[in-house]
C-alpha atoms as a PDB file:
ATOM      1  CA  GLY A   1     -28.736  47.521 -38.809  1.00  0.00           C
ATOM      2  CA  ASN A   2     -26.013  47.838 -36.103  1.00  0.00           C
ATOM      3  CA  SER A   3     -25.276  45.886 -33.150  1.00  0.00           C
ATOM      4  CA  ASP A   4     -21.963  44.901 -30.891  1.00  0.00           C
ATOM      5  CA  SER A   5     -22.587  41.119 -31.554  1.00  0.00           C
ATOM      6  CA  VAL A   6     -24.410  38.778 -33.034  1.00  0.00           C
ATOM      7  CA  THR A   7     -25.654  34.854 -31.995  1.00  0.00           C
ATOM      8  CA  LEU A   8     -24.510  31.981 -34.404  1.00  0.00           C
ATOM      9  CA  SER A   9     -27.398  29.732 -33.926  1.00  0.00           C
ATOM     10  CA  GLY A  10     -28.291  26.702 -35.908  1.00  0.00           C
ATOM     11  CA  LEU A  11     -23.935  25.376 -36.257  1.00  0.00           C
ATOM     12  CA  LEU A  12     -23.164  21.651 -36.515  1.00  0.00           C
ATOM     13  CA  ALA A  13     -21.325  20.292 -34.188  1.00  0.00           C
ATOM     14  CA  ASP A  14     -17.401  19.608 -35.173  1.00  0.00           C
ATOM     15  CA  THR A  15     -17.805  21.674 -38.570  1.00  0.00           C
ATOM     16  CA  GLN A  16     -15.660  24.762 -39.181  1.00  0.00           C
ATOM     17  CA  TYR A  17     -16.806  27.608 -40.219  1.00  0.00           C
ATOM     18  CA  GLN A  18     -15.571  31.031 -41.652  1.00  0.00           C
ATOM     19  CA  ILE A  19     -16.892  34.491 -40.948  1.00  0.00           C
ATOM     20  CA  THR A  20     -16.022  37.923 -42.941  1.00  0.00           C
ATOM     21  CA  VAL A  21     -18.203  40.732 -40.737  1.00  0.00           C
ATOM     22  CA  THR A  22     -18.251  44.349 -42.503  1.00  0.00           C
ATOM     23  CA  ALA A  23     -18.459  47.145 -40.955  1.00  0.00           C
ATOM     24  CA  VAL A  24     -20.142  50.243 -43.227  1.00  0.00           C
ATOM     25  CA  ARG A  25     -20.062  53.458 -42.161  1.00  0.00           C
ATOM     26  CA  ASP A  26     -20.253  57.395 -44.507  1.00  0.00           C
ATOM     27  CA  GLY A  27     -21.427  54.322 -47.319  1.00  0.00           C
ATOM     28  CA  LYS A  28     -17.865  53.233 -47.116  1.00  0.00           C
ATOM     29  CA  LYS A  29     -17.836  48.774 -46.532  1.00  0.00           C
ATOM     30  CA  PHE A  30     -14.879  47.634 -44.433  1.00  0.00           C
ATOM     31  CA  LYS A  31     -14.282  44.179 -43.801  1.00  0.00           C
ATOM     32  CA  SER A  32     -12.681  42.308 -41.276  1.00  0.00           C
ATOM     33  CA  ARG A  33     -10.201  39.331 -42.218  1.00  0.00           C
ATOM     34  CA  PRO A  34     -11.832  36.315 -42.153  1.00  0.00           C
ATOM     35  CA  ILE A  35     -12.674  35.104 -38.984  1.00  0.00           C
ATOM     36  CA  VAL A  36     -12.029  30.276 -38.797  1.00  0.00           C
ATOM     37  CA  PHE A  37     -13.314  28.388 -35.608  1.00  0.00           C
ATOM     38  CA  ARG A  38     -14.409  25.356 -34.934  1.00  0.00           C
ATOM     39  CA  THR A  39     -18.136  24.060 -33.049  1.00  0.00           C
ATOM     40  CA  LEU A  40     -17.135  21.128 -30.444  1.00  0.00           C
ATOM     41  CA  GLU A  41     -17.614  17.568 -31.273  1.00  0.00           C
ATOM     42  CA  PRO A  42     -21.282  16.402 -29.104  1.00  0.00           C
ATOM     43  CA  PRO A  43     -21.014  14.735 -26.061  1.00  0.00           C
ATOM     44  CA  ARG A  44     -20.056  11.313 -25.946  1.00  0.00           C
ATOM     45  CA  THR A  45     -23.401   9.766 -24.216  1.00  0.00           C
ATOM     46  CA  ASN A  46     -21.791   6.332 -23.052  1.00  0.00           C
ATOM     47  CA  GLU A  47     -19.299   8.053 -20.513  1.00  0.00           C
ATOM     48  CA  VAL A  48     -19.754   8.108 -17.357  1.00  0.00           C
ATOM     49  CA  GLN A  49     -19.501  10.989 -15.801  1.00  0.00           C
ATOM     50  CA  MET A  50     -18.282  11.268 -12.080  1.00  0.00           C
ATOM     51  CA  THR A  51     -18.419  14.632 -10.180  1.00  0.00           C
ATOM     52  CA  PRO A  52     -17.390  14.726  -6.608  1.00  0.00           C
ATOM     53  CA  PRO A  53     -19.844  15.653  -4.126  1.00  0.00           C
ATOM     54  CA  GLY A  54     -21.041  18.983  -3.912  1.00  0.00           C
ATOM     55  CA  VAL A  55     -19.677  19.903  -7.434  1.00  0.00           C
ATOM     56  CA  ARG A  56     -22.216  20.626  -9.997  1.00  0.00           C
ATOM     57  CA  SER A  57     -21.873  19.070 -13.606  1.00  0.00           C
ATOM     58  CA  GLY A  58     -22.982  20.924 -16.714  1.00  0.00           C
ATOM     59  CA  GLY A  59     -22.469  24.094 -18.241  1.00  0.00           C
ATOM     60  CA  GLN A  60     -18.795  23.435 -19.100  1.00  0.00           C
ATOM     61  CA  ARG A  61     -19.568  20.131 -20.767  1.00  0.00           C
ATOM     62  CA  GLY A  62     -17.336  19.665 -24.252  1.00  0.00           C
ATOM     63  CA  VAL A  63     -15.575  22.269 -23.435  1.00  0.00           C
ATOM     64  CA  PRO A  64     -11.303  21.698 -24.033  1.00  0.00           C
ATOM     65  CA  PRO A  65      -8.818  22.261 -20.569  1.00  0.00           C
ATOM     66  CA  LEU A  66      -6.831  25.009 -20.049  1.00  0.00           C
ATOM     67  CA  THR A  67      -3.938  22.848 -20.851  1.00  0.00           C
ATOM     68  CA  ASN A  68      -4.565  22.579 -24.300  1.00  0.00           C
ATOM     69  CA  MET A  69      -5.072  25.756 -25.191  1.00  0.00           C
ATOM     70  CA  PRO A  70      -1.598  28.489 -26.232  1.00  0.00           C
ATOM     71  CA  PRO A  71      -2.032  31.907 -23.737  1.00  0.00           C
ATOM     72  CA  THR A  72      -3.111  34.694 -26.300  1.00  0.00           C
ATOM     73  CA  TYR A  73      -0.804  37.229 -24.226  1.00  0.00           C
ATOM     74  CA  ILE A  74       1.996  37.845 -21.254  1.00  0.00           C
ATOM     75  CA  GLN A  75       1.193  39.739 -18.263  1.00  0.00           C
ATOM     76  CA  VAL A  76       3.754  41.756 -16.594  1.00  0.00           C
ATOM     77  CA  ARG A  77       3.036  42.778 -13.523  1.00  0.00           C
ATOM     78  CA  GLY A  78       4.011  46.167 -11.811  1.00  0.00           C
ATOM     79  CA  VAL A  79       5.969  43.686  -8.909  1.00  0.00           C
ATOM     80  CA  GLU A  80       7.614  42.113 -11.065  1.00  0.00           C
ATOM     81  CA  VAL A  81       8.958  45.330 -13.318  1.00  0.00           C
ATOM     82  CA  GLY A  82       9.762  46.666  -9.686  1.00  0.00           C
ATOM     83  CA  ILE A  83      11.340  43.868  -8.733  1.00  0.00           C
ATOM     84  CA  VAL A  84      13.742  43.549 -12.078  1.00  0.00           C
ATOM     85  CA  VAL A  85      14.388  46.833 -12.116  1.00  0.00           C
ATOM     86  CA  LEU A  86      15.727  46.554  -8.287  1.00  0.00           C
ATOM     87  CA  VAL A  87      17.619  43.908  -9.426  1.00  0.00           C
ATOM     88  CA  LEU A  88      19.815  45.963 -11.937  1.00  0.00           C
ATOM     89  CA  MET A  89      20.172  48.722 -10.082  1.00  0.00           C
ATOM     90  CA  VAL A  90      21.994  46.527  -7.443  1.00  0.00           C
ATOM     91  CA  TRP A  91      24.275  45.222 -10.200  1.00  0.00           C
ATOM     92  CA  VAL A  92      24.936  48.887 -11.484  1.00  0.00           C
ATOM     93  CA  ALA A  93      25.983  50.045  -8.122  1.00  0.00           C
ATOM     94  CA  ALA A  94      28.102  46.563  -7.610  1.00  0.00           C
ATOM     95  CA  ILE A  95      29.637  47.646 -10.569  1.00  0.00           C
ATOM     96  CA  ILE A  96      30.541  50.959  -9.528  1.00  0.00           C
ATOM     97  CA  LEU A  97      31.741  50.030  -6.139  1.00  0.00           C
ATOM     98  CA  PHE A  98      34.299  47.493  -7.919  1.00  0.00           C
ATOM     99  CA  PHE A  99      36.005  49.688 -10.438  1.00  0.00           C
ATOM    100  CA  ASN A 100      36.069  52.241  -7.374  1.00  0.00           C
ATOM    101  CA  ARG A 101      38.048  49.559  -5.352  1.00  0.00           C
ATOM    102  CA  TRP A 102      39.892  49.104  -8.314  1.00  0.00           C
ATOM    103  CA  GLY A 103      41.768  51.867  -8.630  1.00  0.00           C
ATOM    104  CA  LYS A 104      42.774  51.909  -4.896  1.00  0.00           C
ATOM    105  CA  ILE A 105      43.476  48.401  -4.915  1.00  0.00           C
ATOM    106  CA  ARG A 106      46.055  48.865  -8.222  1.00  0.00           C
ATOM    107  CA  MET A 107      48.041  51.976  -6.515  1.00  0.00           C
ATOM    108  CA  LEU A 108      49.152  49.043  -3.637  1.00  0.00           C
END
């Protein structure tokens, strides 16, 4: 049937999988590019996990730290664009002012 999401169950730990999504519309089949992913390693039970007081452990076990993951996209904020445009406008004004003064300096 039609579904916006699918849950894969029974996957083995530390195993690479490849799936392809196929959509059917008006009798035509549309296939996605293959999606390759790897499941996480099972948590090690012989390690001692220390958590500070007041912090719950669990929920995020086995998830690699964000520092190892490359960013997927770059987000530019409007404030940053505004600052860059303002700096460029100041530079243009400085160049125009220089050329106006340069003509007067050359006449001396």
